[in-house]
Amino acid sequence: MTDKNKVYNELTNGINISVIPKYEPEESNPAIGKFIYSYQVTIENISSDTVKLISRHWYIVDSIQEKREVKGEGVVGVQPELNPGESFEYISWCPLHSPIGKMYGTYMFINLTAKTTFQVNIPEFILVSDFKLN
């Protein structure tokens, strides 16, 4: 069995994060070290409070040990507010210079009920190009 379509999950502070990574062969060019991956993230509020995602902090590592950090406000240009039981889904992408890598990180949320901030873990997930799976 391969990691293709594998779902990575982590629950922190009442927020469940699910990630499904995917290699994008039509956007990639292995001959020049260009490997493009997309990842679908689902953020589910299973707490009893309304929360708002305010920032992200990603770590991106590839198999040639190139490590990057990406920080910023929100995700895909928005700072979603989630009532109890609601979820938010988005798709983003990541370029690597090698056929294998990983990503992980954190989101910062504010609890709009208690007016407190808290951190949520993004599960570590593996990025593997299709031809490495054969």
C-alpha atoms as a PDB file:
ATOM      1  CA  MET A   1       0.000   0.000   0.000  1.00  0.00           C
ATOM      2  CA  THR A   2       1.238   3.491  -0.828  1.00  0.00           C
ATOM      3  CA  ASP A   3       0.734   6.854   0.809  1.00  0.00           C
ATOM      4  CA  LYS A   4      -1.365   7.968  -2.174  1.00  0.00           C
ATOM      5  CA  ASN A   5      -4.589   9.587  -0.920  1.00  0.00           C
ATOM      6  CA  LYS A   6      -3.518   9.025   2.690  1.00  0.00           C
ATOM      7  CA  VAL A   7      -5.285  11.260   5.196  1.00  0.00           C
ATOM      8  CA  TYR A   8      -3.166  12.737   7.986  1.00  0.00           C
ATOM      9  CA  ASN A   9      -5.125  13.844  11.092  1.00  0.00           C
ATOM     10  CA  GLU A  10      -4.340  15.635  14.320  1.00  0.00           C
ATOM     11  CA  LEU A  11      -6.654  16.947  17.030  1.00  0.00           C
ATOM     12  CA  THR A  12      -5.439  19.833  19.213  1.00  0.00           C
ATOM     13  CA  ASN A  13      -7.474  22.039  21.555  1.00  0.00           C
ATOM     14  CA  GLY A  14     -10.804  21.013  20.035  1.00  0.00           C
ATOM     15  CA  ILE A  15      -9.717  21.613  16.437  1.00  0.00           C
ATOM     16  CA  ASN A  16      -9.227  18.647  14.091  1.00  0.00           C
ATOM     17  CA  ILE A  17      -6.862  19.157  11.145  1.00  0.00           C
ATOM     18  CA  SER A  18      -6.952  16.679   8.231  1.00  0.00           C
ATOM     19  CA  VAL A  19      -4.535  16.850   5.299  1.00  0.00           C
ATOM     20  CA  ILE A  20      -4.514  14.922   2.004  1.00  0.00           C
ATOM     21  CA  PRO A  21      -1.342  15.571  -0.036  1.00  0.00           C
ATOM     22  CA  LYS A  22      -1.129  14.915  -3.789  1.00  0.00           C
ATOM     23  CA  TYR A  23       1.722  14.973  -6.300  1.00  0.00           C
ATOM     24  CA  GLU A  24       0.923  17.144  -9.351  1.00  0.00           C
ATOM     25  CA  PRO A  25       2.791  15.552 -12.292  1.00  0.00           C
ATOM     26  CA  GLU A  26       1.356  17.936 -14.916  1.00  0.00           C
ATOM     27  CA  GLU A  27       2.835  20.912 -13.011  1.00  0.00           C
ATOM     28  CA  SER A  28       6.156  19.219 -12.201  1.00  0.00           C
ATOM     29  CA  ASN A  29       9.356  18.834 -14.218  1.00  0.00           C
ATOM     30  CA  PRO A  30      11.669  16.292 -12.522  1.00  0.00           C
ATOM     31  CA  ALA A  31      14.393  16.879 -15.134  1.00  0.00           C
ATOM     32  CA  ILE A  32      14.999  20.339 -13.666  1.00  0.00           C
ATOM     33  CA  GLY A  33      14.254  19.442 -10.029  1.00  0.00           C
ATOM     34  CA  LYS A  34      10.730  20.879  -9.968  1.00  0.00           C
ATOM     35  CA  PHE A  35       8.278  18.777  -7.946  1.00  0.00           C
ATOM     36  CA  ILE A  36       4.873  20.329  -7.275  1.00  0.00           C
ATOM     37  CA  TYR A  37       2.475  19.059  -4.614  1.00  0.00           C
ATOM     38  CA  SER A  38      -1.016  20.134  -3.651  1.00  0.00           C
ATOM     39  CA  TYR A  39      -2.579  19.476  -0.278  1.00  0.00           C
ATOM     40  CA  GLN A  40      -6.189  19.636   0.804  1.00  0.00           C
ATOM     41  CA  VAL A  41      -6.713  20.790   4.384  1.00  0.00           C
ATOM     42  CA  THR A  42      -9.924  20.398   6.380  1.00  0.00           C
ATOM     43  CA  ILE A  43     -10.186  22.367   9.631  1.00  0.00           C
ATOM     44  CA  GLU A  44     -13.018  21.169  11.862  1.00  0.00           C
ATOM     45  CA  ASN A  45     -14.136  22.920  15.047  1.00  0.00           C
ATOM     46  CA  ILE A  46     -15.276  20.215  17.451  1.00  0.00           C
ATOM     47  CA  SER A  47     -15.049  22.521  20.470  1.00  0.00           C
ATOM     48  CA  SER A  48     -18.028  24.265  22.058  1.00  0.00           C
ATOM     49  CA  ASP A  49     -16.718  27.778  21.239  1.00  0.00           C
ATOM     50  CA  THR A  50     -16.571  29.932  18.113  1.00  0.00           C
ATOM     51  CA  VAL A  51     -12.988  30.251  16.859  1.00  0.00           C
ATOM     52  CA  LYS A  52     -11.117  32.181  14.180  1.00  0.00           C
ATOM     53  CA  LEU A  53      -7.927  31.107  12.426  1.00  0.00           C
ATOM     54  CA  ILE A  54      -5.574  34.089  12.491  1.00  0.00           C
ATOM     55  CA  SER A  55      -2.205  32.816  11.243  1.00  0.00           C
ATOM     56  CA  ARG A  56      -0.184  29.876   9.936  1.00  0.00           C
ATOM     57  CA  HIS A  57       3.398  28.693  10.426  1.00  0.00           C
ATOM     58  CA  TRP A  58       4.621  25.921   8.099  1.00  0.00           C
ATOM     59  CA  TYR A  59       7.874  23.963   8.018  1.00  0.00           C
ATOM     60  CA  ILE A  60       8.739  22.444   4.636  1.00  0.00           C
ATOM     61  CA  VAL A  61      11.595  19.936   4.347  1.00  0.00           C
ATOM     62  CA  ASP A  62      12.710  18.046   1.257  1.00  0.00           C
ATOM     63  CA  SER A  63      14.940  14.998   0.903  1.00  0.00           C
ATOM     64  CA  ILE A  64      17.991  17.103   0.026  1.00  0.00           C
ATOM     65  CA  GLN A  65      17.578  18.681   3.497  1.00  0.00           C
ATOM     66  CA  GLU A  66      16.424  22.040   2.217  1.00  0.00           C
ATOM     67  CA  LYS A  67      14.254  23.440   5.018  1.00  0.00           C
ATOM     68  CA  ARG A  68      11.962  26.445   4.683  1.00  0.00           C
ATOM     69  CA  GLU A  69       9.534  28.233   6.957  1.00  0.00           C
ATOM     70  CA  VAL A  70       6.390  29.975   5.757  1.00  0.00           C
ATOM     71  CA  LYS A  71       4.493  32.308   8.078  1.00  0.00           C
ATOM     72  CA  GLY A  72       1.503  34.489   7.370  1.00  0.00           C
ATOM     73  CA  GLU A  73      -1.964  35.634   8.210  1.00  0.00           C
ATOM     74  CA  GLY A  74      -4.822  33.211   7.680  1.00  0.00           C
ATOM     75  CA  VAL A  75      -4.917  30.601   4.923  1.00  0.00           C
ATOM     76  CA  VAL A  76      -5.456  31.169   1.182  1.00  0.00           C
ATOM     77  CA  GLY A  77      -6.186  34.846   1.846  1.00  0.00           C
ATOM     78  CA  VAL A  78      -8.878  34.355   4.504  1.00  0.00           C
ATOM     79  CA  GLN A  79      -9.162  34.079   8.274  1.00  0.00           C
ATOM     80  CA  PRO A  80     -12.100  31.699   8.626  1.00  0.00           C
ATOM     81  CA  GLU A  81     -14.432  31.852  11.628  1.00  0.00           C
ATOM     82  CA  LEU A  82     -15.862  28.511  12.687  1.00  0.00           C
ATOM     83  CA  ASN A  83     -18.835  28.001  14.953  1.00  0.00           C
ATOM     84  CA  PRO A  84     -19.004  24.743  16.927  1.00  0.00           C
ATOM     85  CA  GLY A  85     -19.403  21.835  14.501  1.00  0.00           C
ATOM     86  CA  GLU A  86     -18.403  23.842  11.418  1.00  0.00           C
ATOM     87  CA  SER A  87     -15.483  23.094   9.136  1.00  0.00           C
ATOM     88  CA  PHE A  88     -13.430  24.946   6.529  1.00  0.00           C
ATOM     89  CA  GLU A  89     -11.632  23.327   3.617  1.00  0.00           C
ATOM     90  CA  TYR A  90      -8.984  24.679   1.268  1.00  0.00           C
ATOM     91  CA  ILE A  91      -6.398  23.496  -1.225  1.00  0.00           C
ATOM     92  CA  SER A  92      -2.911  24.937  -1.466  1.00  0.00           C
ATOM     93  CA  TRP A  93       0.358  23.844  -3.049  1.00  0.00           C
ATOM     94  CA  CYS A  94       4.070  23.510  -2.379  1.00  0.00           C
ATOM     95  CA  PRO A  95       7.118  23.263  -4.691  1.00  0.00           C
ATOM     96  CA  LEU A  96      10.074  21.045  -3.778  1.00  0.00           C
ATOM     97  CA  HIS A  97      13.486  20.528  -5.404  1.00  0.00           C
ATOM     98  CA  SER A  98      13.443  16.776  -4.738  1.00  0.00           C
ATOM     99  CA  PRO A  99      10.865  13.976  -5.195  1.00  0.00           C
ATOM    100  CA  ILE A 100      10.297  13.407  -1.464  1.00  0.00           C
ATOM    101  CA  GLY A 101       9.607  15.802   1.384  1.00  0.00           C
ATOM    102  CA  LYS A 102       7.371  16.614   4.308  1.00  0.00           C
ATOM    103  CA  MET A 103       5.411  19.481   5.758  1.00  0.00           C
ATOM    104  CA  TYR A 104       4.128  20.252   9.254  1.00  0.00           C
ATOM    105  CA  GLY A 105       3.354  23.287  11.340  1.00  0.00           C
ATOM    106  CA  THR A 106       0.829  25.168  13.427  1.00  0.00           C
ATOM    107  CA  TYR A 107      -2.170  27.437  13.102  1.00  0.00           C
ATOM    108  CA  MET A 108      -2.867  30.185  15.609  1.00  0.00           C
ATOM    109  CA  PHE A 109      -6.511  30.627  16.556  1.00  0.00           C
ATOM    110  CA  ILE A 110      -8.452  33.037  18.717  1.00  0.00           C
ATOM    111  CA  ASN A 111     -11.316  31.735  20.814  1.00  0.00           C
ATOM    112  CA  LEU A 112     -13.953  34.401  20.129  1.00  0.00           C
ATOM    113  CA  THR A 113     -15.957  33.365  23.188  1.00  0.00           C
ATOM    114  CA  ALA A 114     -13.134  33.494  25.754  1.00  0.00           C
ATOM    115  CA  LYS A 115     -11.030  36.102  23.856  1.00  0.00           C
ATOM    116  CA  THR A 116      -7.905  33.928  24.183  1.00  0.00           C
ATOM    117  CA  THR A 117      -5.432  32.707  21.569  1.00  0.00           C
ATOM    118  CA  PHE A 118      -4.306  29.108  21.196  1.00  0.00           C
ATOM    119  CA  GLN A 119      -2.153  27.011  18.901  1.00  0.00           C
ATOM    120  CA  VAL A 120      -3.255  24.012  16.838  1.00  0.00           C
ATOM    121  CA  ASN A 121      -0.857  21.447  15.379  1.00  0.00           C
ATOM    122  CA  ILE A 122      -0.869  20.662  11.668  1.00  0.00           C
ATOM    123  CA  PRO A 123       0.006  16.967  11.348  1.00  0.00           C
ATOM    124  CA  GLU A 124       3.266  16.098   9.634  1.00  0.00           C
ATOM    125  CA  PHE A 125       2.548  14.715   6.174  1.00  0.00           C
ATOM    126  CA  ILE A 126       4.758  13.171   3.533  1.00  0.00           C
ATOM    127  CA  LEU A 127       5.095  14.482  -0.032  1.00  0.00           C
ATOM    128  CA  VAL A 128       6.140  11.748  -2.485  1.00  0.00           C
ATOM    129  CA  SER A 129       6.140  11.971  -6.273  1.00  0.00           C
ATOM    130  CA  ASP A 130       4.242   9.246  -8.132  1.00  0.00           C
ATOM    131  CA  PHE A 131       7.269   7.740  -9.825  1.00  0.00           C
ATOM    132  CA  LYS A 132       8.883   7.141  -6.416  1.00  0.00           C
ATOM    133  CA  LEU A 133       5.868   5.035  -5.405  1.00  0.00           C
ATOM    134  CA  ASN A 134       6.374   2.459  -8.173  1.00  0.00           C
END
